[in-house]
PDB file of all heavy atoms in Angstrom:
ATOM      1  N   PRO A   1       6.778 -12.393   0.826  1.00  0.00           N
ATOM      2  CA  PRO A   1       6.622 -12.515   2.282  1.00  0.00           C
ATOM      3  C   PRO A   1       6.281 -11.160   2.899  1.00  0.00           C
ATOM      4  O   PRO A   1       6.712 -10.111   2.399  1.00  0.00           O
ATOM      5  CB  PRO A   1       8.002 -12.990   2.754  1.00  0.00           C
ATOM      6  CG  PRO A   1       8.635 -13.607   1.544  1.00  0.00           C
ATOM      7  CD  PRO A   1       8.110 -12.815   0.373  1.00  0.00           C
ATOM      8  N   ALA A   2       5.514 -11.198   3.973  1.00  0.00           N
ATOM      9  CA  ALA A   2       5.180  -9.968   4.694  1.00  0.00           C
ATOM     10  C   ALA A   2       6.446  -9.376   5.303  1.00  0.00           C
ATOM     11  O   ALA A   2       7.340 -10.105   5.753  1.00  0.00           O
ATOM     12  CB  ALA A   2       4.167 -10.265   5.790  1.00  0.00           C
ATOM     13  N   ARG A   3       6.525  -8.053   5.291  1.00  0.00           N
ATOM     14  CA  ARG A   3       7.659  -7.318   5.874  1.00  0.00           C
ATOM     15  C   ARG A   3       7.175  -6.528   7.086  1.00  0.00           C
ATOM     16  O   ARG A   3       6.005  -6.150   7.160  1.00  0.00           O
ATOM     17  CB  ARG A   3       8.227  -6.332   4.862  1.00  0.00           C
ATOM     18  CG  ARG A   3       8.727  -6.953   3.589  1.00  0.00           C
ATOM     19  CD  ARG A   3       9.211  -5.853   2.628  1.00  0.00           C
ATOM     20  NE  ARG A   3       9.486  -6.419   1.324  1.00  0.00           N
ATOM     21  CZ  ARG A   3       9.143  -5.852   0.180  1.00  0.00           C
ATOM     22  NH1 ARG A   3       8.531  -4.686   0.157  1.00  0.00           N
ATOM     23  NH2 ARG A   3       9.433  -6.431  -0.965  1.00  0.00           N
ATOM     24  N   GLU A   4       8.096  -6.206   7.976  1.00  0.00           N
ATOM     25  CA  GLU A   4       7.749  -5.416   9.168  1.00  0.00           C
ATOM     26  C   GLU A   4       7.000  -4.140   8.792  1.00  0.00           C
ATOM     27  O   GLU A   4       6.053  -3.740   9.459  1.00  0.00           O
ATOM     28  CB  GLU A   4       9.006  -5.061   9.967  1.00  0.00           C
ATOM     29  CG  GLU A   4       9.617  -6.229  10.712  1.00  0.00           C
ATOM     30  CD  GLU A   4       8.917  -6.575  12.015  1.00  0.00           C
ATOM     31  OE1 GLU A   4       7.984  -5.855  12.435  1.00  0.00           O
ATOM     32  OE2 GLU A   4       9.307  -7.584  12.616  1.00  0.00           O
ATOM     33  N   ALA A   5       7.433  -3.466   7.722  1.00  0.00           N
ATOM     34  CA  ALA A   5       6.825  -2.192   7.316  1.00  0.00           C
ATOM     35  C   ALA A   5       5.395  -2.355   6.800  1.00  0.00           C
ATOM     36  O   ALA A   5       4.698  -1.361   6.594  1.00  0.00           O
ATOM     37  CB  ALA A   5       7.689  -1.524   6.249  1.00  0.00           C
ATOM     38  N   ASP A   6       4.934  -3.584   6.607  1.00  0.00           N
ATOM     39  CA  ASP A   6       3.593  -3.844   6.077  1.00  0.00           C
ATOM     40  C   ASP A   6       2.507  -3.802   7.139  1.00  0.00           C
ATOM     41  O   ASP A   6       1.332  -3.979   6.818  1.00  0.00           O
ATOM     42  CB  ASP A   6       3.532  -5.239   5.416  1.00  0.00           C
ATOM     43  CG  ASP A   6       4.357  -5.355   4.166  1.00  0.00           C
ATOM     44  OD1 ASP A   6       4.556  -4.332   3.482  1.00  0.00           O
ATOM     45  OD2 ASP A   6       4.811  -6.486   3.882  1.00  0.00           O
ATOM     46  N   PHE A   7       2.875  -3.589   8.395  1.00  0.00           N
ATOM     47  CA  PHE A   7       1.902  -3.796   9.478  1.00  0.00           C
ATOM     48  C   PHE A   7       0.581  -3.082   9.244  1.00  0.00           C
ATOM     49  O   PHE A   7      -0.487  -3.698   9.351  1.00  0.00           O
ATOM     50  CB  PHE A   7       2.460  -3.399  10.851  1.00  0.00           C
ATOM     51  CG  PHE A   7       1.422  -3.562  11.936  1.00  0.00           C
ATOM     52  CD1 PHE A   7       1.111  -4.817  12.428  1.00  0.00           C
ATOM     53  CD2 PHE A   7       0.711  -2.466  12.410  1.00  0.00           C
ATOM     54  CE1 PHE A   7       0.126  -4.989  13.385  1.00  0.00           C
ATOM     55  CE2 PHE A   7      -0.275  -2.624  13.375  1.00  0.00           C
ATOM     56  CZ  PHE A   7      -0.566  -3.892  13.864  1.00  0.00           C
ATOM     57  N   ASP A   8       0.575  -1.792   8.971  1.00  0.00           N
ATOM     58  CA  ASP A   8      -0.683  -1.051   8.875  1.00  0.00           C
ATOM     59  C   ASP A   8      -1.585  -1.604   7.767  1.00  0.00           C
ATOM     60  O   ASP A   8      -2.793  -1.782   7.977  1.00  0.00           O
ATOM     61  CB  ASP A   8      -0.429   0.438   8.661  1.00  0.00           C
ATOM     62  CG  ASP A   8       0.160   1.107   9.889  1.00  0.00           C
ATOM     63  OD1 ASP A   8       0.000   0.589  11.020  1.00  0.00           O
ATOM     64  OD2 ASP A   8       0.795   2.169   9.724  1.00  0.00           O
ATOM     65  N   GLN A   9      -1.008  -1.893   6.616  1.00  0.00           N
ATOM     66  CA  GLN A   9      -1.820  -2.439   5.526  1.00  0.00           C
ATOM     67  C   GLN A   9      -2.258  -3.876   5.819  1.00  0.00           C
ATOM     68  O   GLN A   9      -3.391  -4.264   5.524  1.00  0.00           O
ATOM     69  CB  GLN A   9      -1.044  -2.389   4.211  1.00  0.00           C
ATOM     70  CG  GLN A   9      -0.824  -0.986   3.687  1.00  0.00           C
ATOM     71  CD  GLN A   9      -0.229  -1.037   2.300  1.00  0.00           C
ATOM     72  OE1 GLN A   9      -0.928  -1.401   1.347  1.00  0.00           O
ATOM     73  NE2 GLN A   9       1.056  -0.712   2.188  1.00  0.00           N
ATOM     74  N   TRP A  10      -1.349  -4.663   6.400  1.00  0.00           N
ATOM     75  CA  TRP A  10      -1.698  -6.033   6.797  1.00  0.00           C
ATOM     76  C   TRP A  10      -2.835  -6.002   7.807  1.00  0.00           C
ATOM     77  O   TRP A  10      -3.785  -6.771   7.711  1.00  0.00           O
ATOM     78  CB  TRP A  10      -0.469  -6.736   7.379  1.00  0.00           C
ATOM     79  CG  TRP A  10      -0.779  -8.036   8.047  1.00  0.00           C
ATOM     80  CD1 TRP A  10      -0.829  -9.268   7.460  1.00  0.00           C
ATOM     81  CD2 TRP A  10      -1.097  -8.243   9.435  1.00  0.00           C
ATOM     82  NE1 TRP A  10      -1.151 -10.228   8.400  1.00  0.00           N
ATOM     83  CE2 TRP A  10      -1.321  -9.614   9.610  1.00  0.00           C
ATOM     84  CE3 TRP A  10      -1.206  -7.403  10.535  1.00  0.00           C
ATOM     85  CZ2 TRP A  10      -1.660 -10.159  10.846  1.00  0.00           C
ATOM     86  CZ3 TRP A  10      -1.540  -7.937  11.767  1.00  0.00           C
ATOM     87  CH2 TRP A  10      -1.765  -9.309  11.917  1.00  0.00           C
ATOM     88  N   ARG A  11      -2.745  -5.081   8.761  1.00  0.00           N
ATOM     89  CA  ARG A  11      -3.763  -4.988   9.814  1.00  0.00           C
ATOM     90  C   ARG A  11      -5.129  -4.671   9.213  1.00  0.00           C
ATOM     91  O   ARG A  11      -6.143  -5.232   9.626  1.00  0.00           O
ATOM     92  CB  ARG A  11      -3.362  -3.937  10.858  1.00  0.00           C
ATOM     93  CG  ARG A  11      -4.380  -3.783  11.983  1.00  0.00           C
ATOM     94  CD  ARG A  11      -4.498  -5.094  12.771  1.00  0.00           C
ATOM     95  NE  ARG A  11      -5.531  -5.031  13.768  1.00  0.00           N
ATOM     96  CZ  ARG A  11      -6.649  -5.771  13.757  1.00  0.00           C
ATOM     97  NH1 ARG A  11      -6.874  -6.642  12.786  1.00  0.00           N
ATOM     98  NH2 ARG A  11      -7.528  -5.662  14.721  1.00  0.00           N
ATOM     99  N   ALA A  12      -5.170  -3.775   8.236  1.00  0.00           N
ATOM    100  CA  ALA A  12      -6.443  -3.452   7.591  1.00  0.00           C
ATOM    101  C   ALA A  12      -7.023  -4.689   6.898  1.00  0.00           C
ATOM    102  O   ALA A  12      -8.231  -4.964   6.999  1.00  0.00           O
ATOM    103  CB  ALA A  12      -6.258  -2.310   6.603  1.00  0.00           C
ATOM    104  N   LEU A  13      -6.179  -5.453   6.218  1.00  0.00           N
ATOM    105  CA  LEU A  13      -6.649  -6.687   5.581  1.00  0.00           C
ATOM    106  C   LEU A  13      -7.102  -7.705   6.622  1.00  0.00           C
ATOM    107  O   LEU A  13      -8.151  -8.349   6.461  1.00  0.00           O
ATOM    108  CB  LEU A  13      -5.543  -7.294   4.714  1.00  0.00           C
ATOM    109  CG  LEU A  13      -5.221  -6.570   3.418  1.00  0.00           C
ATOM    110  CD1 LEU A  13      -3.923  -7.111   2.821  1.00  0.00           C
ATOM    111  CD2 LEU A  13      -6.372  -6.678   2.427  1.00  0.00           C
ATOM    112  N   TYR A  14      -6.320  -7.860   7.680  1.00  0.00           N
ATOM    113  CA  TYR A  14      -6.657  -8.861   8.702  1.00  0.00           C
ATOM    114  C   TYR A  14      -7.941  -8.478   9.427  1.00  0.00           C
ATOM    115  O   TYR A  14      -8.736  -9.343   9.795  1.00  0.00           O
ATOM    116  CB  TYR A  14      -5.482  -9.037   9.662  1.00  0.00           C
ATOM    117  CG  TYR A  14      -5.458 -10.364  10.370  1.00  0.00           C
ATOM    118  CD1 TYR A  14      -5.798 -11.551   9.727  1.00  0.00           C
ATOM    119  CD2 TYR A  14      -5.079 -10.446  11.702  1.00  0.00           C
ATOM    120  CE1 TYR A  14      -5.771 -12.763  10.375  1.00  0.00           C
ATOM    121  CE2 TYR A  14      -5.048 -11.659  12.364  1.00  0.00           C
ATOM    122  CZ  TYR A  14      -5.404 -12.818  11.691  1.00  0.00           C
ATOM    123  OH  TYR A  14      -5.381 -14.019  12.356  1.00  0.00           O
ATOM    124  N   ARG A  15      -8.172  -7.186   9.599  1.00  0.00           N
ATOM    125  CA  ARG A  15      -9.431  -6.716  10.184  1.00  0.00           C
ATOM    126  C   ARG A  15     -10.584  -7.086   9.247  1.00  0.00           C
ATOM    127  O   ARG A  15     -11.634  -7.538   9.696  1.00  0.00           O
ATOM    128  CB  ARG A  15      -9.381  -5.206  10.417  1.00  0.00           C
ATOM    129  CG  ARG A  15     -10.599  -4.657  11.147  1.00  0.00           C
ATOM    130  CD  ARG A  15     -10.459  -3.162  11.438  1.00  0.00           C
ATOM    131  NE  ARG A  15      -9.372  -2.913  12.365  1.00  0.00           N
ATOM    132  CZ  ARG A  15      -8.218  -2.285  12.050  1.00  0.00           C
ATOM    133  NH1 ARG A  15      -8.012  -1.837  10.824  1.00  0.00           N
ATOM    134  NH2 ARG A  15      -7.292  -2.096  12.959  1.00  0.00           N
ATOM    135  N   GLY A  16     -10.390  -6.900   7.946  1.00  0.00           N
ATOM    136  CA  GLY A  16     -11.416  -7.277   6.985  1.00  0.00           C
ATOM    137  C   GLY A  16     -11.716  -8.768   7.028  1.00  0.00           C
ATOM    138  O   GLY A  16     -12.876  -9.182   6.934  1.00  0.00           O
ATOM    139  N   TYR A  17     -10.677  -9.568   7.191  1.00  0.00           N
ATOM    140  CA  TYR A  17     -10.847 -11.023   7.294  1.00  0.00           C
ATOM    141  C   TYR A  17     -11.648 -11.382   8.542  1.00  0.00           C
ATOM    142  O   TYR A  17     -12.608 -12.164   8.479  1.00  0.00           O
ATOM    143  CB  TYR A  17      -9.463 -11.677   7.320  1.00  0.00           C
ATOM    144  CG  TYR A  17      -9.477 -13.177   7.448  1.00  0.00           C
ATOM    145  CD1 TYR A  17      -9.848 -13.983   6.383  1.00  0.00           C
ATOM    146  CD2 TYR A  17      -9.103 -13.790   8.638  1.00  0.00           C
ATOM    147  CE1 TYR A  17      -9.842 -15.363   6.495  1.00  0.00           C
ATOM    148  CE2 TYR A  17      -9.092 -15.166   8.761  1.00  0.00           C
ATOM    149  CZ  TYR A  17      -9.471 -15.951   7.688  1.00  0.00           C
ATOM    150  OH  TYR A  17      -9.472 -17.314   7.812  1.00  0.00           O
ATOM    151  N   ALA A  18     -11.277 -10.803   9.686  1.00  0.00           N
ATOM    152  CA  ALA A  18     -11.996 -11.068  10.938  1.00  0.00           C
ATOM    153  C   ALA A  18     -13.447 -10.610  10.822  1.00  0.00           C
ATOM    154  O   ALA A  18     -14.367 -11.319  11.263  1.00  0.00           O
ATOM    155  CB  ALA A  18     -11.292 -10.377  12.106  1.00  0.00           C
ATOM    156  N   ASP A  19     -13.667  -9.450  10.230  1.00  0.00           N
ATOM    157  CA  ASP A  19     -15.038  -8.947  10.061  1.00  0.00           C
ATOM    158  C   ASP A  19     -15.854  -9.873   9.173  1.00  0.00           C
ATOM    159  O   ASP A  19     -17.031 -10.130   9.442  1.00  0.00           O
ATOM    160  CB  ASP A  19     -15.023  -7.538   9.461  1.00  0.00           C
ATOM    161  CG  ASP A  19     -14.506  -6.482  10.422  1.00  0.00           C
ATOM    162  OD1 ASP A  19     -14.336  -6.771  11.634  1.00  0.00           O
ATOM    163  OD2 ASP A  19     -14.246  -5.348   9.952  1.00  0.00           O
ATOM    164  N   PHE A  20     -15.241 -10.385   8.104  1.00  0.00           N
ATOM    165  CA  PHE A  20     -15.948 -11.296   7.201  1.00  0.00           C
ATOM    166  C   PHE A  20     -16.484 -12.498   7.957  1.00  0.00           C
ATOM    167  O   PHE A  20     -17.608 -12.941   7.733  1.00  0.00           O
ATOM    168  CB  PHE A  20     -15.019 -11.751   6.070  1.00  0.00           C
ATOM    169  CG  PHE A  20     -15.662 -12.726   5.131  1.00  0.00           C
ATOM    170  CD1 PHE A  20     -16.476 -12.276   4.102  1.00  0.00           C
ATOM    171  CD2 PHE A  20     -15.470 -14.093   5.278  1.00  0.00           C
ATOM    172  CE1 PHE A  20     -17.084 -13.173   3.229  1.00  0.00           C
ATOM    173  CE2 PHE A  20     -16.078 -14.998   4.418  1.00  0.00           C
ATOM    174  CZ  PHE A  20     -16.890 -14.535   3.394  1.00  0.00           C
ATOM    175  N   TYR A  21     -15.673 -13.034   8.865  1.00  0.00           N
ATOM    176  CA  TYR A  21     -16.086 -14.207   9.642  1.00  0.00           C
ATOM    177  C   TYR A  21     -16.749 -13.837  10.965  1.00  0.00           C
ATOM    178  O   TYR A  21     -17.003 -14.709  11.792  1.00  0.00           O
ATOM    179  CB  TYR A  21     -14.889 -15.146   9.868  1.00  0.00           C
ATOM    180  CG  TYR A  21     -14.627 -15.998   8.646  1.00  0.00           C
ATOM    181  CD1 TYR A  21     -13.475 -15.833   7.897  1.00  0.00           C
ATOM    182  CD2 TYR A  21     -15.541 -16.959   8.237  1.00  0.00           C
ATOM    183  CE1 TYR A  21     -13.232 -16.611   6.767  1.00  0.00           C
ATOM    184  CE2 TYR A  21     -15.307 -17.740   7.113  1.00  0.00           C
ATOM    185  CZ  TYR A  21     -14.158 -17.557   6.389  1.00  0.00           C
ATOM    186  OH  TYR A  21     -13.930 -18.330   5.274  1.00  0.00           O
ATOM    187  N   ARG A  22     -17.010 -12.542  11.166  1.00  0.00           N
ATOM    188  CA  ARG A  22     -17.682 -12.048  12.371  1.00  0.00           C
ATOM    189  C   ARG A  22     -16.950 -12.484  13.644  1.00  0.00           C
ATOM    190  O   ARG A  22     -17.554 -12.946  14.602  1.00  0.00           O
ATOM    191  CB  ARG A  22     -19.139 -12.487  12.404  1.00  0.00           C
ATOM    192  CG  ARG A  22     -19.962 -11.917  11.281  1.00  0.00           C
ATOM    193  CD  ARG A  22     -21.407 -12.401  11.344  1.00  0.00           C
ATOM    194  NE  ARG A  22     -22.183 -11.902  10.238  1.00  0.00           N
ATOM    195  CZ  ARG A  22     -22.338 -12.533   9.067  1.00  0.00           C
ATOM    196  NH1 ARG A  22     -21.751 -13.686   8.858  1.00  0.00           N
ATOM    197  NH2 ARG A  22     -23.075 -12.004   8.117  1.00  0.00           N
ATOM    198  N   VAL A  23     -15.629 -12.336  13.589  1.00  0.00           N
ATOM    199  CA  VAL A  23     -14.787 -12.655  14.738  1.00  0.00           C
ATOM    200  C   VAL A  23     -14.269 -11.348  15.320  1.00  0.00           C
ATOM    201  O   VAL A  23     -13.679 -10.549  14.597  1.00  0.00           O
ATOM    202  CB  VAL A  23     -13.595 -13.550  14.314  1.00  0.00           C
ATOM    203  CG1 VAL A  23     -12.607 -13.738  15.459  1.00  0.00           C
ATOM    204  CG2 VAL A  23     -14.100 -14.887  13.798  1.00  0.00           C
ATOM    205  N   GLU A  24     -14.532 -11.151  16.598  1.00  0.00           N
ATOM    206  CA  GLU A  24     -14.004  -9.956  17.240  1.00  0.00           C
ATOM    207  C   GLU A  24     -12.521 -10.175  17.498  1.00  0.00           C
ATOM    208  O   GLU A  24     -12.129 -11.172  18.109  1.00  0.00           O
ATOM    209  CB  GLU A  24     -14.734  -9.687  18.554  1.00  0.00           C
ATOM    210  CG  GLU A  24     -14.357  -8.350  19.149  1.00  0.00           C
ATOM    211  CD  GLU A  24     -15.244  -7.952  20.305  1.00  0.00           C
ATOM    212  OE1 GLU A  24     -16.430  -8.337  20.310  1.00  0.00           O
ATOM    213  OE2 GLU A  24     -14.735  -7.263  21.199  1.00  0.00           O
ATOM    214  N   GLN A  25     -11.716  -9.273  17.024  1.00  0.00           N
ATOM    215  CA  GLN A  25     -10.271  -9.411  17.161  1.00  0.00           C
ATOM    216  C   GLN A  25      -9.704  -8.133  17.779  1.00  0.00           C
ATOM    217  O   GLN A  25      -9.861  -7.058  17.215  1.00  0.00           O
ATOM    218  CB  GLN A  25      -9.636  -9.664  15.796  1.00  0.00           C
ATOM    219  CG  GLN A  25      -8.160  -9.944  15.871  1.00  0.00           C
ATOM    220  CD  GLN A  25      -7.593 -10.141  14.483  1.00  0.00           C
ATOM    221  OE1 GLN A  25      -7.562  -9.226  13.695  1.00  0.00           O
ATOM    222  NE2 GLN A  25      -7.173 -11.354  14.210  1.00  0.00           N
ATOM    223  N   THR A  26      -9.069  -8.272  18.905  1.00  0.00           N
ATOM    224  CA  THR A  26      -8.486  -7.107  19.568  1.00  0.00           C
ATOM    225  C   THR A  26      -7.188  -6.705  18.882  1.00  0.00           C
ATOM    226  O   THR A  26      -6.568  -7.502  18.173  1.00  0.00           O
ATOM    227  CB  THR A  26      -8.189  -7.416  21.046  1.00  0.00           C
ATOM    228  OG1 THR A  26      -7.162  -8.422  21.095  1.00  0.00           O
ATOM    229  CG2 THR A  26      -9.431  -7.886  21.790  1.00  0.00           C
ATOM    230  N   GLU A  27      -6.800  -5.472  19.109  1.00  0.00           N
ATOM    231  CA  GLU A  27      -5.515  -5.010  18.587  1.00  0.00           C
ATOM    232  C   GLU A  27      -4.381  -5.834  19.195  1.00  0.00           C
ATOM    233  O   GLU A  27      -3.405  -6.152  18.516  1.00  0.00           O
ATOM    234  CB  GLU A  27      -5.313  -3.519  18.861  1.00  0.00           C
ATOM    235  CG  GLU A  27      -6.221  -2.629  18.028  1.00  0.00           C
ATOM    236  CD  GLU A  27      -6.071  -2.866  16.531  1.00  0.00           C
ATOM    237  OE1 GLU A  27      -4.935  -2.872  16.019  1.00  0.00           O
ATOM    238  OE2 GLU A  27      -7.112  -3.051  15.867  1.00  0.00           O
TER     239      GLU A  27
END
């Protein structure tokens, strides 16, 4: 399961996911 301390790495992955689908995602 994702942990609170994972935010920065999770965010980088989630940004990659949004970019793959060409979805603009705000912080």
